[in-house]
Amino acid sequence: MSNAVPPFIVAIPARYGSTRLSAKPLREIDGVPLVVRVAQRALQAGARQVVVAVDDQRVADVLAGQGVDICMTRSDHASGSDRLAECAARCGWSDDSIVVNLQGDEPFAPAAGIRAVAQALEGDDAPMATLATPIIDAEELFDPNVVKLVRTVNGRALYFSRAPLPWARDAFAVDRQALPSGSPFLRHIGIYAYRAGFLDRYARLPRTPLEQTESLEQLRVLEHGHAIAVRLTPEPFPPGIDTLADLERAEQWLRTQH
């Protein structure tokens, strides 16, 4: 696989309403709106185009002058992927364009990681790619809020789960407080790259039993028989922003970076 970064688009779904944090895109971290910080990360990664898919004019307004394009989308989309499918149709991207879905609540996503997921898709004929990082402690493995994944020897996703994966039968029969060495425990990082032509197909796929059971949208892709390429992230992704407590932690983390 080439180490060259292919031309790519970053599309950021930014929904105004959030069940856990109202007006989330407009919440400020050190005086800068969350959605602006995400857009800045996308620009730093070298995307040939950055598009923010919004559903509220107030979000569009704070992005004025940031060097990104705005795509106004419907407010009733069930997921960020559905919002990006509408965005892709409106923008008229060619089917083979690489589109990176950077979540609108990832203000500290590393530029190297954004580039890496585009490279992962370029180096594989799967229609979709994502990133993972090794799990280093048992608490993380057993946390249902941490999404785990297992993959094939050629780097494609076998399954994503909130349950501990893989299950180290012999080791966990003795001790579940420590991770056995040599087992490929991986945490999923929720950044995706798609070929633009697949976004529309993805949005049209019917919801599936495993997707609904685990509440993990990416399982819909696997259940319908499509491949997802998985690569390790070159740099850590700091946690995203879902709650007020996350915002406060982000403020504290940012102060340590100056």
C-alpha atoms as a PDB file:
ATOM      1  CA  MET A   1       0.000   0.000   0.000  1.00  0.00           C
ATOM      2  CA  SER A   2       1.285   3.446  -0.893  1.00  0.00           C
ATOM      3  CA  ASN A   3       2.002   5.899   1.889  1.00  0.00           C
ATOM      4  CA  ALA A   4       0.794   8.765  -0.273  1.00  0.00           C
ATOM      5  CA  VAL A   5      -2.382  10.436   0.958  1.00  0.00           C
ATOM      6  CA  PRO A   6      -5.077  10.389  -1.747  1.00  0.00           C
ATOM      7  CA  PRO A   7      -7.222  13.466  -2.411  1.00  0.00           C
ATOM      8  CA  PHE A   8     -10.127  13.357   0.007  1.00  0.00           C
ATOM      9  CA  ILE A   9     -13.154  15.301   1.164  1.00  0.00           C
ATOM     10  CA  VAL A  10     -14.073  15.720   4.820  1.00  0.00           C
ATOM     11  CA  ALA A  11     -17.790  15.864   5.535  1.00  0.00           C
ATOM     12  CA  ILE A  12     -18.869  16.800   9.067  1.00  0.00           C
ATOM     13  CA  PRO A  13     -22.433  16.026  10.162  1.00  0.00           C
ATOM     14  CA  ALA A  14     -23.421  18.693  12.689  1.00  0.00           C
ATOM     15  CA  ARG A  15     -26.939  18.310  14.077  1.00  0.00           C
ATOM     16  CA  TYR A  16     -28.149  21.202  16.197  1.00  0.00           C
ATOM     17  CA  GLY A  17     -30.263  19.121  18.542  1.00  0.00           C
ATOM     18  CA  SER A  18     -28.677  16.537  20.827  1.00  0.00           C
ATOM     19  CA  THR A  19     -30.453  14.498  23.473  1.00  0.00           C
ATOM     20  CA  ARG A  20     -27.543  14.733  25.917  1.00  0.00           C
ATOM     21  CA  LEU A  21     -26.223  18.215  25.118  1.00  0.00           C
ATOM     22  CA  SER A  22     -28.508  20.844  23.634  1.00  0.00           C
ATOM     23  CA  ALA A  23     -27.149  23.094  20.866  1.00  0.00           C
ATOM     24  CA  LYS A  24     -23.992  20.963  20.917  1.00  0.00           C
ATOM     25  CA  PRO A  25     -22.275  22.364  17.773  1.00  0.00           C
ATOM     26  CA  LEU A  26     -22.409  25.878  19.267  1.00  0.00           C
ATOM     27  CA  ARG A  27     -21.008  24.960  22.684  1.00  0.00           C
ATOM     28  CA  GLU A  28     -17.673  26.668  23.182  1.00  0.00           C
ATOM     29  CA  ILE A  29     -14.328  25.228  24.205  1.00  0.00           C
ATOM     30  CA  ASP A  30     -12.014  28.049  25.269  1.00  0.00           C
ATOM     31  CA  GLY A  31     -14.231  30.525  23.423  1.00  0.00           C
ATOM     32  CA  VAL A  32     -14.376  28.626  20.115  1.00  0.00           C
ATOM     33  CA  PRO A  33     -17.588  26.813  19.056  1.00  0.00           C
ATOM     34  CA  LEU A  34     -17.257  23.035  18.937  1.00  0.00           C
ATOM     35  CA  VAL A  35     -18.171  22.789  15.248  1.00  0.00           C
ATOM     36  CA  VAL A  36     -15.564  25.417  14.339  1.00  0.00           C
ATOM     37  CA  ARG A  37     -12.852  23.424  16.110  1.00  0.00           C
ATOM     38  CA  VAL A  38     -13.844  20.285  14.202  1.00  0.00           C
ATOM     39  CA  ALA A  39     -13.781  22.163  10.884  1.00  0.00           C
ATOM     40  CA  GLN A  40     -10.326  23.533  11.692  1.00  0.00           C
ATOM     41  CA  ARG A  41      -9.041  19.990  12.293  1.00  0.00           C
ATOM     42  CA  ALA A  42     -10.376  18.885   8.920  1.00  0.00           C
ATOM     43  CA  LEU A  43      -8.625  21.784   7.173  1.00  0.00           C
ATOM     44  CA  GLN A  44      -5.351  21.009   8.980  1.00  0.00           C
ATOM     45  CA  ALA A  45      -5.540  17.437   7.648  1.00  0.00           C
ATOM     46  CA  GLY A  46      -5.258  18.707   4.070  1.00  0.00           C
ATOM     47  CA  ALA A  47      -8.722  17.837   2.775  1.00  0.00           C
ATOM     48  CA  ARG A  48      -9.371  19.164  -0.729  1.00  0.00           C
ATOM     49  CA  GLN A  49     -12.837  20.186   0.448  1.00  0.00           C
ATOM     50  CA  VAL A  50     -14.444  20.452   3.874  1.00  0.00           C
ATOM     51  CA  VAL A  51     -18.232  20.412   3.982  1.00  0.00           C
ATOM     52  CA  VAL A  52     -20.306  20.761   7.130  1.00  0.00           C
ATOM     53  CA  ALA A  53     -23.748  19.187   6.818  1.00  0.00           C
ATOM     54  CA  VAL A  54     -25.996  21.275   9.066  1.00  0.00           C
ATOM     55  CA  ASP A  55     -29.707  21.371   9.841  1.00  0.00           C
ATOM     56  CA  ASP A  56     -29.904  24.792  11.491  1.00  0.00           C
ATOM     57  CA  GLN A  57     -28.952  28.250  10.259  1.00  0.00           C
ATOM     58  CA  ARG A  58     -27.342  29.114  13.610  1.00  0.00           C
ATOM     59  CA  VAL A  59     -24.697  26.451  13.007  1.00  0.00           C
ATOM     60  CA  ALA A  60     -24.122  27.716   9.473  1.00  0.00           C
ATOM     61  CA  ASP A  61     -23.684  31.262  10.802  1.00  0.00           C
ATOM     62  CA  VAL A  62     -20.837  30.430  13.210  1.00  0.00           C
ATOM     63  CA  LEU A  63     -18.946  28.750  10.348  1.00  0.00           C
ATOM     64  CA  ALA A  64     -18.968  31.864   8.159  1.00  0.00           C
ATOM     65  CA  GLY A  65     -15.430  32.816   7.134  1.00  0.00           C
ATOM     66  CA  GLN A  66     -13.878  29.523   8.248  1.00  0.00           C
ATOM     67  CA  GLY A  67     -13.017  28.369   4.709  1.00  0.00           C
ATOM     68  CA  VAL A  68     -15.498  25.494   4.669  1.00  0.00           C
ATOM     69  CA  ASP A  69     -18.597  24.811   2.611  1.00  0.00           C
ATOM     70  CA  ILE A  70     -22.035  24.536   4.191  1.00  0.00           C
ATOM     71  CA  CYS A  71     -24.661  22.021   3.105  1.00  0.00           C
ATOM     72  CA  MET A  72     -28.104  22.576   4.602  1.00  0.00           C
ATOM     73  CA  THR A  73     -29.763  19.210   5.169  1.00  0.00           C
ATOM     74  CA  ARG A  74     -33.049  17.947   6.547  1.00  0.00           C
ATOM     75  CA  SER A  75     -33.473  17.845  10.316  1.00  0.00           C
ATOM     76  CA  ASP A  76     -35.104  14.400  10.473  1.00  0.00           C
ATOM     77  CA  HIS A  77     -32.147  12.172   9.547  1.00  0.00           C
ATOM     78  CA  ALA A  78     -31.736   9.119  11.759  1.00  0.00           C
ATOM     79  CA  SER A  79     -27.929   9.178  11.653  1.00  0.00           C
ATOM     80  CA  GLY A  80     -24.900  11.143  10.545  1.00  0.00           C
ATOM     81  CA  SER A  81     -24.412   8.769   7.630  1.00  0.00           C
ATOM     82  CA  ASP A  82     -27.936   9.499   6.377  1.00  0.00           C
ATOM     83  CA  ARG A  83     -27.185  13.222   6.637  1.00  0.00           C
ATOM     84  CA  LEU A  84     -23.972  12.767   4.632  1.00  0.00           C
ATOM     85  CA  ALA A  85     -25.802  10.778   1.959  1.00  0.00           C
ATOM     86  CA  GLU A  86     -28.041  13.793   1.377  1.00  0.00           C
ATOM     87  CA  CYS A  87     -24.952  16.014   1.442  1.00  0.00           C
ATOM     88  CA  ALA A  88     -23.171  13.848  -1.181  1.00  0.00           C
ATOM     89  CA  ALA A  89     -26.177  14.001  -3.490  1.00  0.00           C
ATOM     90  CA  ARG A  90     -26.403  17.778  -3.131  1.00  0.00           C
ATOM     91  CA  CYS A  91     -22.663  18.286  -3.695  1.00  0.00           C
ATOM     92  CA  GLY A  92     -22.539  15.996  -6.736  1.00  0.00           C
ATOM     93  CA  TRP A  93     -19.352  14.165  -5.738  1.00  0.00           C
ATOM     94  CA  SER A  94     -18.169  11.491  -8.164  1.00  0.00           C
ATOM     95  CA  ASP A  95     -18.833   7.917  -7.054  1.00  0.00           C
ATOM     96  CA  ASP A  96     -15.139   7.174  -6.491  1.00  0.00           C
ATOM     97  CA  SER A  97     -14.465  10.282  -4.359  1.00  0.00           C
ATOM     98  CA  ILE A  98     -13.113   9.461  -0.891  1.00  0.00           C
ATOM     99  CA  VAL A  99     -15.303  11.060   1.761  1.00  0.00           C
ATOM    100  CA  VAL A 100     -14.159  11.080   5.388  1.00  0.00           C
ATOM    101  CA  ASN A 101     -16.964  11.292   7.924  1.00  0.00           C
ATOM    102  CA  LEU A 102     -15.524  13.300  10.815  1.00  0.00           C
ATOM    103  CA  GLN A 103     -18.025  13.449  13.654  1.00  0.00           C
ATOM    104  CA  GLY A 104     -19.136  16.934  14.636  1.00  0.00           C
ATOM    105  CA  ASP A 105     -18.201  16.287  18.267  1.00  0.00           C
ATOM    106  CA  GLU A 106     -14.507  15.407  17.695  1.00  0.00           C
ATOM    107  CA  PRO A 107     -12.760  18.774  18.255  1.00  0.00           C
ATOM    108  CA  PHE A 108      -9.330  17.228  18.838  1.00  0.00           C
ATOM    109  CA  ALA A 109      -9.239  14.595  16.081  1.00  0.00           C
ATOM    110  CA  PRO A 110      -5.576  14.408  14.976  1.00  0.00           C
ATOM    111  CA  ALA A 111      -4.852  15.424  11.400  1.00  0.00           C
ATOM    112  CA  ALA A 112      -2.748  12.262  10.976  1.00  0.00           C
ATOM    113  CA  GLY A 113      -5.749  10.130  11.917  1.00  0.00           C
ATOM    114  CA  ILE A 114      -8.014  11.890   9.415  1.00  0.00           C
ATOM    115  CA  ARG A 115      -5.446  11.269   6.683  1.00  0.00           C
ATOM    116  CA  ALA A 116      -4.951   7.656   7.824  1.00  0.00           C
ATOM    117  CA  VAL A 117      -8.587   6.667   7.331  1.00  0.00           C
ATOM    118  CA  ALA A 118      -8.507   8.117   3.794  1.00  0.00           C
ATOM    119  CA  GLN A 119      -5.344   6.102   3.110  1.00  0.00           C
ATOM    120  CA  ALA A 120      -6.995   2.971   4.510  1.00  0.00           C
ATOM    121  CA  LEU A 121      -9.794   3.247   1.976  1.00  0.00           C
ATOM    122  CA  GLU A 122      -7.426   4.049  -0.899  1.00  0.00           C
ATOM    123  CA  GLY A 123      -5.365   0.942  -0.096  1.00  0.00           C
ATOM    124  CA  ASP A 124      -8.335  -1.454  -0.046  1.00  0.00           C
ATOM    125  CA  ASP A 125     -11.200  -2.222  -2.400  1.00  0.00           C
ATOM    126  CA  ALA A 126     -13.697  -2.185   0.486  1.00  0.00           C
ATOM    127  CA  PRO A 127     -16.351   0.563   0.121  1.00  0.00           C
ATOM    128  CA  MET A 128     -15.739   1.788   3.665  1.00  0.00           C
ATOM    129  CA  ALA A 129     -12.861   2.123   6.152  1.00  0.00           C
ATOM    130  CA  THR A 130     -12.394   2.995   9.812  1.00  0.00           C
ATOM    131  CA  LEU A 131      -9.715   3.110  12.530  1.00  0.00           C
ATOM    132  CA  ALA A 132      -8.924   1.272  15.746  1.00  0.00           C
ATOM    133  CA  THR A 133      -6.432   1.488  18.595  1.00  0.00           C
ATOM    134  CA  PRO A 134      -5.125  -1.180  20.995  1.00  0.00           C
ATOM    135  CA  ILE A 135      -6.917  -1.630  24.317  1.00  0.00           C
ATOM    136  CA  ILE A 136      -4.447  -1.614  27.171  1.00  0.00           C
ATOM    137  CA  ASP A 137      -6.488  -2.267  30.318  1.00  0.00           C
ATOM    138  CA  ALA A 138      -9.256  -4.618  31.367  1.00  0.00           C
ATOM    139  CA  GLU A 139     -11.604  -1.859  32.552  1.00  0.00           C
ATOM    140  CA  GLU A 140     -11.711  -0.491  29.024  1.00  0.00           C
ATOM    141  CA  LEU A 141     -12.336  -3.944  27.524  1.00  0.00           C
ATOM    142  CA  PHE A 142     -15.298  -4.624  29.829  1.00  0.00           C
ATOM    143  CA  ASP A 143     -16.840  -1.125  29.466  1.00  0.00           C
ATOM    144  CA  PRO A 144     -19.977  -1.339  27.250  1.00  0.00           C
ATOM    145  CA  ASN A 145     -19.498   2.292  26.229  1.00  0.00           C
ATOM    146  CA  VAL A 146     -16.213   1.289  24.572  1.00  0.00           C
ATOM    147  CA  VAL A 147     -16.860  -0.323  21.193  1.00  0.00           C
ATOM    148  CA  LYS A 148     -14.570  -3.264  20.482  1.00  0.00           C
ATOM    149  CA  LEU A 149     -13.824  -4.866  17.141  1.00  0.00           C
ATOM    150  CA  VAL A 150     -12.131  -7.933  15.719  1.00  0.00           C
ATOM    151  CA  ARG A 151     -10.667  -8.107  12.242  1.00  0.00           C
ATOM    152  CA  THR A 152      -9.306 -10.548   9.694  1.00  0.00           C
ATOM    153  CA  VAL A 153      -5.612 -11.104   9.025  1.00  0.00           C
ATOM    154  CA  ASN A 154      -5.900  -8.819   5.997  1.00  0.00           C
ATOM    155  CA  GLY A 155      -7.370  -5.996   8.081  1.00  0.00           C
ATOM    156  CA  ARG A 156     -11.108  -6.180   7.508  1.00  0.00           C
ATOM    157  CA  ALA A 157     -13.743  -5.954  10.215  1.00  0.00           C
ATOM    158  CA  LEU A 158     -15.280  -9.223  11.357  1.00  0.00           C
ATOM    159  CA  TYR A 159     -17.500  -7.737  14.055  1.00  0.00           C
ATOM    160  CA  PHE A 160     -18.048  -4.719  16.300  1.00  0.00           C
ATOM    161  CA  SER A 161     -19.482  -5.105  19.805  1.00  0.00           C
ATOM    162  CA  ARG A 162     -20.000  -3.440  23.153  1.00  0.00           C
ATOM    163  CA  ALA A 163     -19.099  -6.793  24.733  1.00  0.00           C
ATOM    164  CA  PRO A 164     -15.484  -7.838  25.405  1.00  0.00           C
ATOM    165  CA  LEU A 165     -13.972  -9.130  22.145  1.00  0.00           C
ATOM    166  CA  PRO A 166     -12.232 -11.483  21.680  1.00  0.00           C
ATOM    167  CA  TRP A 167     -13.023 -13.566  24.761  1.00  0.00           C
ATOM    168  CA  ALA A 168      -9.776 -14.901  26.205  1.00  0.00           C
ATOM    169  CA  ARG A 169     -11.300 -18.133  27.486  1.00  0.00           C
ATOM    170  CA  ASP A 170      -8.480 -19.587  29.553  1.00  0.00           C
ATOM    171  CA  ALA A 171      -7.103 -16.291  30.886  1.00  0.00           C
ATOM    172  CA  PHE A 172     -10.504 -14.858  31.886  1.00  0.00           C
ATOM    173  CA  ALA A 173     -11.432 -18.113  33.639  1.00  0.00           C
ATOM    174  CA  VAL A 174      -8.663 -17.248  36.100  1.00  0.00           C
ATOM    175  CA  ASP A 175      -8.490 -13.441  36.160  1.00  0.00           C
ATOM    176  CA  ARG A 176     -10.566 -10.669  34.572  1.00  0.00           C
ATOM    177  CA  GLN A 177      -8.639  -7.800  36.143  1.00  0.00           C
ATOM    178  CA  ALA A 178      -5.711  -7.989  33.724  1.00  0.00           C
ATOM    179  CA  LEU A 179      -5.445  -8.485  29.979  1.00  0.00           C
ATOM    180  CA  PRO A 180      -3.512 -11.499  28.710  1.00  0.00           C
ATOM    181  CA  SER A 181      -0.597 -10.594  26.477  1.00  0.00           C
ATOM    182  CA  GLY A 182      -0.727 -11.417  22.804  1.00  0.00           C
ATOM    183  CA  SER A 183      -4.502 -11.075  22.364  1.00  0.00           C
ATOM    184  CA  PRO A 184      -5.592  -8.517  19.728  1.00  0.00           C
ATOM    185  CA  PHE A 185      -7.895  -6.314  21.813  1.00  0.00           C
ATOM    186  CA  LEU A 186      -8.938  -3.288  19.748  1.00  0.00           C
ATOM    187  CA  ARG A 187     -11.052  -0.234  20.491  1.00  0.00           C
ATOM    188  CA  HIS A 188     -13.028   1.217  17.607  1.00  0.00           C
ATOM    189  CA  ILE A 189     -12.518   4.889  16.746  1.00  0.00           C
ATOM    190  CA  GLY A 190     -15.670   6.345  15.211  1.00  0.00           C
ATOM    191  CA  ILE A 191     -14.222   7.973  12.115  1.00  0.00           C
ATOM    192  CA  TYR A 192     -15.141   6.568   8.700  1.00  0.00           C
ATOM    193  CA  ALA A 193     -14.155   6.929   5.071  1.00  0.00           C
ATOM    194  CA  TYR A 194     -16.467   5.931   2.255  1.00  0.00           C
ATOM    195  CA  ARG A 195     -16.455   6.057  -1.485  1.00  0.00           C
ATOM    196  CA  ALA A 196     -19.129   8.643  -2.258  1.00  0.00           C
ATOM    197  CA  GLY A 197     -21.091   6.194  -4.392  1.00  0.00           C
ATOM    198  CA  PHE A 198     -21.489   3.912  -1.380  1.00  0.00           C
ATOM    199  CA  LEU A 199     -22.943   6.621   0.863  1.00  0.00           C
ATOM    200  CA  ASP A 200     -26.271   6.550  -0.946  1.00  0.00           C
ATOM    201  CA  ARG A 201     -26.365   2.737  -0.857  1.00  0.00           C
ATOM    202  CA  TYR A 202     -25.476   2.766   2.841  1.00  0.00           C
ATOM    203  CA  ALA A 203     -28.294   5.164   3.684  1.00  0.00           C
ATOM    204  CA  ARG A 204     -30.768   2.945   1.806  1.00  0.00           C
ATOM    205  CA  LEU A 205     -29.780  -0.296   3.555  1.00  0.00           C
ATOM    206  CA  PRO A 206     -32.570  -1.521   5.852  1.00  0.00           C
ATOM    207  CA  ARG A 207     -31.753  -1.559   9.552  1.00  0.00           C
ATOM    208  CA  THR A 208     -30.601  -4.949  10.785  1.00  0.00           C
ATOM    209  CA  PRO A 209     -31.072  -7.095  13.912  1.00  0.00           C
ATOM    210  CA  LEU A 210     -27.467  -6.917  15.159  1.00  0.00           C
ATOM    211  CA  GLU A 211     -27.312  -3.165  14.510  1.00  0.00           C
ATOM    212  CA  GLN A 212     -30.406  -2.665  16.622  1.00  0.00           C
ATOM    213  CA  THR A 213     -29.317  -5.121  19.337  1.00  0.00           C
ATOM    214  CA  GLU A 214     -25.885  -3.525  19.830  1.00  0.00           C
ATOM    215  CA  SER A 215     -27.015  -0.014  18.826  1.00  0.00           C
ATOM    216  CA  LEU A 216     -24.060   0.188  16.423  1.00  0.00           C
ATOM    217  CA  GLU A 217     -24.842   1.572  12.993  1.00  0.00           C
ATOM    218  CA  GLN A 218     -21.724   0.117  11.324  1.00  0.00           C
ATOM    219  CA  LEU A 219     -23.042  -3.413  11.885  1.00  0.00           C
ATOM    220  CA  ARG A 220     -25.658  -2.693   9.214  1.00  0.00           C
ATOM    221  CA  VAL A 221     -22.841  -2.633   6.663  1.00  0.00           C
ATOM    222  CA  LEU A 222     -21.436  -6.002   7.751  1.00  0.00           C
ATOM    223  CA  GLU A 223     -24.850  -7.649   8.051  1.00  0.00           C
ATOM    224  CA  HIS A 224     -25.629  -6.704   4.463  1.00  0.00           C
ATOM    225  CA  GLY A 225     -22.361  -8.303   3.343  1.00  0.00           C
ATOM    226  CA  HIS A 226     -20.200  -5.230   2.682  1.00  0.00           C
ATOM    227  CA  ALA A 227     -16.573  -5.009   3.790  1.00  0.00           C
ATOM    228  CA  ILE A 228     -15.039  -2.443   6.168  1.00  0.00           C
ATOM    229  CA  ALA A 229     -11.269  -1.951   6.089  1.00  0.00           C
ATOM    230  CA  VAL A 230      -9.718  -1.362   9.526  1.00  0.00           C
ATOM    231  CA  ARG A 231      -6.322   0.217  10.216  1.00  0.00           C
ATOM    232  CA  LEU A 232      -4.625   1.282  13.431  1.00  0.00           C
ATOM    233  CA  THR A 233      -4.619   5.005  14.112  1.00  0.00           C
ATOM    234  CA  PRO A 234      -1.163   6.642  13.970  1.00  0.00           C
ATOM    235  CA  GLU A 235      -2.055   9.000  16.825  1.00  0.00           C
ATOM    236  CA  PRO A 236      -4.497   8.839  19.752  1.00  0.00           C
ATOM    237  CA  PHE A 237      -7.943  10.375  19.372  1.00  0.00           C
ATOM    238  CA  PRO A 238      -8.884  12.312  22.514  1.00  0.00           C
ATOM    239  CA  PRO A 239     -12.480  11.619  23.638  1.00  0.00           C
ATOM    240  CA  GLY A 240     -15.359  13.293  21.803  1.00  0.00           C
ATOM    241  CA  ILE A 241     -17.918  15.613  23.384  1.00  0.00           C
ATOM    242  CA  ASP A 242     -21.260  14.144  24.464  1.00  0.00           C
ATOM    243  CA  THR A 243     -22.026  15.793  27.803  1.00  0.00           C
ATOM    244  CA  LEU A 244     -21.368  18.929  29.858  1.00  0.00           C
ATOM    245  CA  ALA A 245     -18.781  16.955  31.827  1.00  0.00           C
ATOM    246  CA  ASP A 246     -16.998  16.168  28.535  1.00  0.00           C
ATOM    247  CA  LEU A 247     -16.925  19.885  27.728  1.00  0.00           C
ATOM    248  CA  GLU A 248     -15.344  20.663  31.086  1.00  0.00           C
ATOM    249  CA  ARG A 249     -12.749  17.910  30.619  1.00  0.00           C
ATOM    250  CA  ALA A 250     -11.983  19.270  27.149  1.00  0.00           C
ATOM    251  CA  GLU A 251     -11.376  22.738  28.593  1.00  0.00           C
ATOM    252  CA  GLN A 252      -8.981  21.261  31.153  1.00  0.00           C
ATOM    253  CA  TRP A 253      -7.188  19.154  28.534  1.00  0.00           C
ATOM    254  CA  LEU A 254      -6.776  22.162  26.261  1.00  0.00           C
ATOM    255  CA  ARG A 255      -5.132  24.156  29.054  1.00  0.00           C
ATOM    256  CA  THR A 256      -2.478  21.459  29.389  1.00  0.00           C
ATOM    257  CA  GLN A 257      -1.618  21.791  25.685  1.00  0.00           C
ATOM    258  CA  HIS A 258      -0.591  25.466  25.781  1.00  0.00           C
END
